[in-house]
N, C-alpha and C. Protein backbone atom coordinates (compact mmCIF):
# COMPACT_ATOMS: atom_id res chain seq x y z
N UNK A 1 -87.07 4.56 -13.73
CA UNK A 1 -87.71 3.25 -14.95
C UNK A 1 -89.02 3.09 -14.60
N UNK A 2 -89.87 3.49 -16.05
CA UNK A 2 -90.96 3.09 -16.30
C UNK A 2 -91.23 1.39 -16.61
N UNK A 3 -91.81 0.93 -16.22
CA UNK A 3 -91.94 -0.45 -17.11
C UNK A 3 -93.70 -0.83 -16.50
N UNK A 4 -93.96 -2.02 -17.45
CA UNK A 4 -95.71 -2.94 -17.08
C UNK A 4 -95.26 -4.14 -16.66
N UNK A 5 -95.91 -4.41 -15.44
CA UNK A 5 -96.20 -5.96 -14.80
C UNK A 5 -97.59 -6.59 -15.55
N UNK A 6 -97.57 -7.71 -15.21
CA UNK A 6 -98.50 -8.89 -15.47
C UNK A 6 -98.61 -9.20 -14.25
N UNK A 7 -99.96 -9.43 -13.44
CA UNK A 7 -100.39 -10.20 -11.95
C UNK A 7 -100.96 -11.13 -12.63
N UNK A 8 -100.77 -12.33 -12.13
CA UNK A 8 -101.50 -13.29 -11.75
C UNK A 8 -101.71 -13.90 -10.85
N UNK A 9 -102.94 -14.36 -10.52
CA UNK A 9 -102.69 -15.12 -9.27
C UNK A 9 -104.12 -15.44 -9.23
N UNK A 10 -104.29 -16.79 -8.02
CA UNK A 10 -106.02 -16.87 -7.56
C UNK A 10 -106.74 -16.64 -6.13
N UNK A 11 -107.81 -16.00 -6.19
CA UNK A 11 -108.31 -15.23 -5.26
C UNK A 11 -109.36 -15.73 -4.13
N UNK A 12 -109.76 -16.22 -3.47
CA UNK A 12 -111.14 -16.27 -3.29
C UNK A 12 -112.20 -14.94 -2.96
N UNK A 13 -113.17 -15.16 -3.57
CA UNK A 13 -114.07 -13.93 -3.33
C UNK A 13 -115.78 -14.68 -3.70
N UNK A 14 -116.01 -14.32 -2.18
CA UNK A 14 -117.89 -14.76 -1.52
C UNK A 14 -117.52 -16.26 -1.96
N UNK A 15 -116.43 -16.72 -0.90
CA UNK A 15 -116.07 -18.34 -1.45
C UNK A 15 -115.76 -18.93 -2.40
N UNK A 16 -116.11 -18.47 -3.41
CA UNK A 16 -115.12 -18.77 -4.76
C UNK A 16 -114.01 -18.60 -5.46
N UNK A 17 -112.97 -19.29 -5.61
CA UNK A 17 -111.58 -18.87 -6.36
C UNK A 17 -112.13 -18.20 -7.35
N UNK A 18 -110.98 -17.48 -7.98
CA UNK A 18 -111.30 -16.29 -8.86
C UNK A 18 -109.65 -16.04 -9.13
N UNK A 19 -109.54 -16.59 -10.82
CA UNK A 19 -108.19 -16.10 -11.43
C UNK A 19 -108.30 -14.55 -11.80
N UNK A 20 -107.39 -13.70 -11.24
CA UNK A 20 -106.86 -12.74 -11.45
C UNK A 20 -105.72 -12.23 -12.47
N UNK A 21 -106.22 -11.52 -13.89
CA UNK A 21 -105.18 -11.33 -14.43
C UNK A 21 -105.11 -9.40 -14.26
N UNK A 22 -104.09 -8.70 -14.13
CA UNK A 22 -104.20 -7.63 -14.66
C UNK A 22 -102.90 -7.11 -15.35
N UNK A 23 -102.56 -5.82 -15.85
CA UNK A 23 -101.47 -5.35 -16.04
C UNK A 23 -101.42 -4.07 -15.85
N UNK A 24 -100.11 -3.89 -14.95
CA UNK A 24 -100.23 -2.75 -14.38
C UNK A 24 -98.74 -1.64 -15.27
N UNK A 25 -99.24 -0.36 -14.33
CA UNK A 25 -98.03 0.35 -15.17
C UNK A 25 -97.25 0.70 -13.64
N UNK A 26 -95.53 0.54 -14.04
CA UNK A 26 -94.92 0.95 -12.83
C UNK A 26 -93.50 1.61 -12.83
N UNK A 27 -93.71 1.77 -11.86
CA UNK A 27 -91.68 2.92 -11.93
C UNK A 27 -90.69 2.40 -10.74
N UNK A 28 -89.68 2.64 -11.37
CA UNK A 28 -88.96 2.21 -9.15
C UNK A 28 -88.16 3.60 -10.07
N UNK A 29 -86.86 3.47 -8.90
CA UNK A 29 -85.50 4.30 -8.51
C UNK A 29 -84.96 3.60 -8.16
N UNK A 30 -83.52 4.19 -8.31
CA UNK A 30 -82.46 3.89 -7.75
C UNK A 30 -81.89 2.64 -7.68
N UNK A 31 -81.84 1.51 -6.66
CA UNK A 31 -81.49 0.48 -6.83
C UNK A 31 -82.21 -0.16 -7.27
N UNK A 32 -84.15 0.01 -6.68
CA UNK A 32 -84.57 -0.76 -7.08
C UNK A 32 -84.53 -0.84 -8.82
N UNK A 33 -84.53 0.05 -9.74
CA UNK A 33 -84.67 -0.14 -11.05
C UNK A 33 -83.49 -0.39 -11.40
N UNK A 34 -82.38 -0.39 -10.49
CA UNK A 34 -80.95 -1.67 -11.40
C UNK A 34 -81.24 -2.50 -11.21
N UNK A 35 -82.30 -3.42 -10.16
CA UNK A 35 -82.55 -4.39 -9.74
C UNK A 35 -83.39 -5.19 -11.19
N UNK A 36 -84.40 -3.84 -11.49
CA UNK A 36 -84.94 -4.71 -12.62
C UNK A 36 -84.90 -4.53 -13.83
N UNK A 37 -83.86 -3.44 -13.81
CA UNK A 37 -83.23 -3.24 -15.24
C UNK A 37 -81.94 -4.72 -15.20
N UNK A 38 -81.19 -5.06 -14.36
CA UNK A 38 -80.69 -6.02 -14.84
C UNK A 38 -81.61 -7.80 -14.66
N UNK A 39 -82.86 -7.83 -14.94
CA UNK A 39 -84.39 -9.04 -14.35
C UNK A 39 -84.55 -9.61 -15.77
N UNK A 40 -83.74 -10.44 -16.01
CA UNK A 40 -84.61 -10.68 -17.50
C UNK A 40 -86.44 -10.58 -17.94
N UNK A 41 -86.29 -9.98 -18.91
CA UNK A 41 -88.14 -10.41 -19.03
C UNK A 41 -88.84 -11.86 -18.52
N UNK A 42 -90.33 -11.75 -17.97
CA UNK A 42 -91.53 -12.12 -17.19
C UNK A 42 -89.82 -13.51 -15.77
N UNK A 43 -89.39 -12.63 -15.31
CA UNK A 43 -88.80 -13.58 -13.68
C UNK A 43 -90.07 -12.52 -13.56
N UNK A 44 -89.93 -14.00 -12.68
CA UNK A 44 -90.98 -13.56 -11.33
C UNK A 44 -90.69 -12.95 -10.07
N UNK A 45 -91.75 -11.70 -9.98
CA UNK A 45 -91.31 -11.11 -8.47
C UNK A 45 -92.70 -10.80 -7.44
N UNK A 46 -91.80 -10.57 -6.74
CA UNK A 46 -93.06 -9.95 -5.50
C UNK A 46 -92.35 -8.64 -5.44
N UNK A 47 -93.25 -8.02 -5.40
CA UNK A 47 -92.86 -6.10 -5.41
C UNK A 47 -93.66 -5.97 -4.33
N UNK A 48 -93.33 -4.62 -3.94
CA UNK A 48 -94.18 -3.88 -2.88
C UNK A 48 -94.07 -2.53 -2.75
N UNK A 49 -94.77 -1.40 -2.25
CA UNK A 49 -94.98 0.11 -2.63
C UNK A 49 -95.95 0.52 -2.87
N UNK A 50 -96.70 1.20 -3.55
CA UNK A 50 -97.76 1.85 -2.87
C UNK A 50 -98.76 2.28 -4.53
N UNK A 51 -99.81 2.71 -4.65
CA UNK A 51 -99.99 3.02 -5.94
C UNK A 51 -100.68 5.07 -5.90
N UNK A 52 -99.98 5.47 -6.58
CA UNK A 52 -100.59 7.05 -6.66
C UNK A 52 -101.01 7.53 -7.64
N UNK A 53 -101.50 8.58 -8.37
CA UNK A 53 -101.77 8.73 -10.06
C UNK A 53 -100.79 9.40 -10.41
N UNK A 54 -100.93 8.45 -11.54
CA UNK A 54 -99.50 9.23 -12.65
C UNK A 54 -99.15 10.82 -12.23
N UNK A 55 -99.95 11.48 -12.94
CA UNK A 55 -100.08 12.94 -12.52
C UNK A 55 -100.69 13.83 -11.62
N UNK A 56 -101.10 14.95 -11.38
CA UNK A 56 -101.76 16.12 -11.07
C UNK A 56 -102.85 15.86 -12.76
N UNK A 57 -103.02 15.72 -13.18
CA UNK A 57 -103.78 15.89 -14.44
C UNK A 57 -104.86 14.41 -15.01
N UNK A 58 -103.62 13.37 -14.12
CA UNK A 58 -104.21 12.00 -14.83
C UNK A 58 -103.88 10.99 -13.43
N UNK A 59 -105.71 10.53 -13.36
CA UNK A 59 -105.52 9.75 -11.82
C UNK A 59 -105.19 8.60 -12.24
N UNK A 60 -104.54 7.74 -13.08
CA UNK A 60 -104.42 6.28 -14.20
C UNK A 60 -103.25 6.04 -12.44
N UNK A 61 -103.44 5.12 -12.35
CA UNK A 61 -103.31 4.71 -10.88
C UNK A 61 -100.94 3.52 -11.81
N UNK A 62 -100.32 4.37 -11.10
CA UNK A 62 -98.84 3.29 -11.36
C UNK A 62 -98.23 3.15 -9.45
N UNK A 63 -97.74 2.07 -9.98
CA UNK A 63 -96.82 1.13 -9.03
C UNK A 63 -96.12 1.86 -8.82
N UNK A 64 -95.91 2.26 -7.27
CA UNK A 64 -94.36 2.34 -7.20
C UNK A 64 -93.77 1.68 -6.46
N UNK A 65 -92.59 1.14 -7.10
CA UNK A 65 -91.94 0.09 -6.72
C UNK A 65 -91.14 0.72 -5.23
N UNK A 66 -90.91 0.14 -3.74
CA UNK A 66 -90.06 0.34 -3.41
C UNK A 66 -89.60 -1.04 -2.36
N UNK A 67 -89.44 -2.23 -2.69
CA UNK A 67 -88.71 -3.31 -2.60
C UNK A 67 -89.17 -4.30 -3.80
N UNK A 68 -88.30 -5.25 -3.78
CA UNK A 68 -88.43 -6.15 -4.92
C UNK A 68 -87.76 -8.30 -4.14
N UNK A 69 -88.61 -8.73 -4.49
CA UNK A 69 -87.93 -10.04 -3.83
C UNK A 69 -88.07 -10.88 -5.64
N UNK A 70 -87.02 -11.35 -6.02
CA UNK A 70 -86.65 -12.11 -7.12
C UNK A 70 -87.95 -13.69 -6.19
N UNK A 71 -88.87 -14.42 -6.84
CA UNK A 71 -88.99 -15.48 -6.20
C UNK A 71 -88.74 -16.89 -6.28
N UNK A 72 -87.69 -16.95 -6.41
CA UNK A 72 -86.86 -18.09 -7.01
C UNK A 72 -87.20 -18.90 -5.38
N UNK A 73 -88.02 -19.73 -5.50
CA UNK A 73 -87.38 -20.64 -4.16
C UNK A 73 -88.73 -20.40 -3.70
N UNK A 74 -89.74 -19.82 -3.65
CA UNK A 74 -91.26 -19.52 -2.66
C UNK A 74 -91.91 -20.19 -3.36
N UNK A 75 -92.67 -20.09 -2.70
CA UNK A 75 -93.94 -21.27 -2.50
C UNK A 75 -95.19 -20.31 -3.52
N UNK A 76 -95.52 -21.41 -4.30
CA UNK A 76 -97.09 -21.37 -5.87
C UNK A 76 -97.80 -20.18 -5.11
N UNK A 77 -98.10 -20.07 -3.40
CA UNK A 77 -99.22 -19.39 -3.28
C UNK A 77 -99.01 -17.65 -3.02
N UNK A 78 -97.55 -17.72 -3.50
CA UNK A 78 -97.09 -16.23 -3.14
C UNK A 78 -97.61 -15.61 -4.19
N UNK A 79 -98.28 -14.05 -4.20
CA UNK A 79 -98.86 -13.67 -5.22
C UNK A 79 -97.56 -12.69 -5.73
N UNK A 80 -97.49 -13.15 -7.20
CA UNK A 80 -96.31 -12.61 -8.24
C UNK A 80 -97.20 -11.73 -9.53
N UNK A 81 -95.67 -11.19 -9.83
CA UNK A 81 -95.84 -10.53 -11.01
C UNK A 81 -94.61 -10.43 -11.70
N UNK A 82 -94.68 -10.59 -13.19
CA UNK A 82 -93.81 -10.52 -14.25
C UNK A 82 -93.59 -9.63 -14.50
N UNK A 83 -92.24 -8.69 -15.12
CA UNK A 83 -91.79 -7.70 -15.45
C UNK A 83 -92.38 -7.71 -17.05
N UNK A 84 -93.01 -7.12 -17.47
CA UNK A 84 -93.98 -7.29 -18.83
C UNK A 84 -92.84 -6.82 -19.76
N UNK A 85 -92.27 -5.66 -19.60
CA UNK A 85 -92.03 -4.46 -20.55
C UNK A 85 -91.12 -3.37 -20.19
N UNK A 86 -90.28 -2.98 -20.67
CA UNK A 86 -89.54 -1.77 -20.39
C UNK A 86 -89.41 -0.37 -21.09
């Protein structure tokens, strides 16, 4: 399943806070794809995986999701992403 996610967090850079926002392409297979398909849009998630080129011809990065955690009950300091589109 291909999807896009929106990452929002605050990170420290050179001792100063910096707001980070990014839209990232992602892909998930098997159990992770079923979990994403069942999730409502804009659900906060903690995703684990790896970045790889989309294809041999395209160097655009895609997040390959290997594990998904739903953020319910986790603190605000947790980096999170929201499923933006499927």
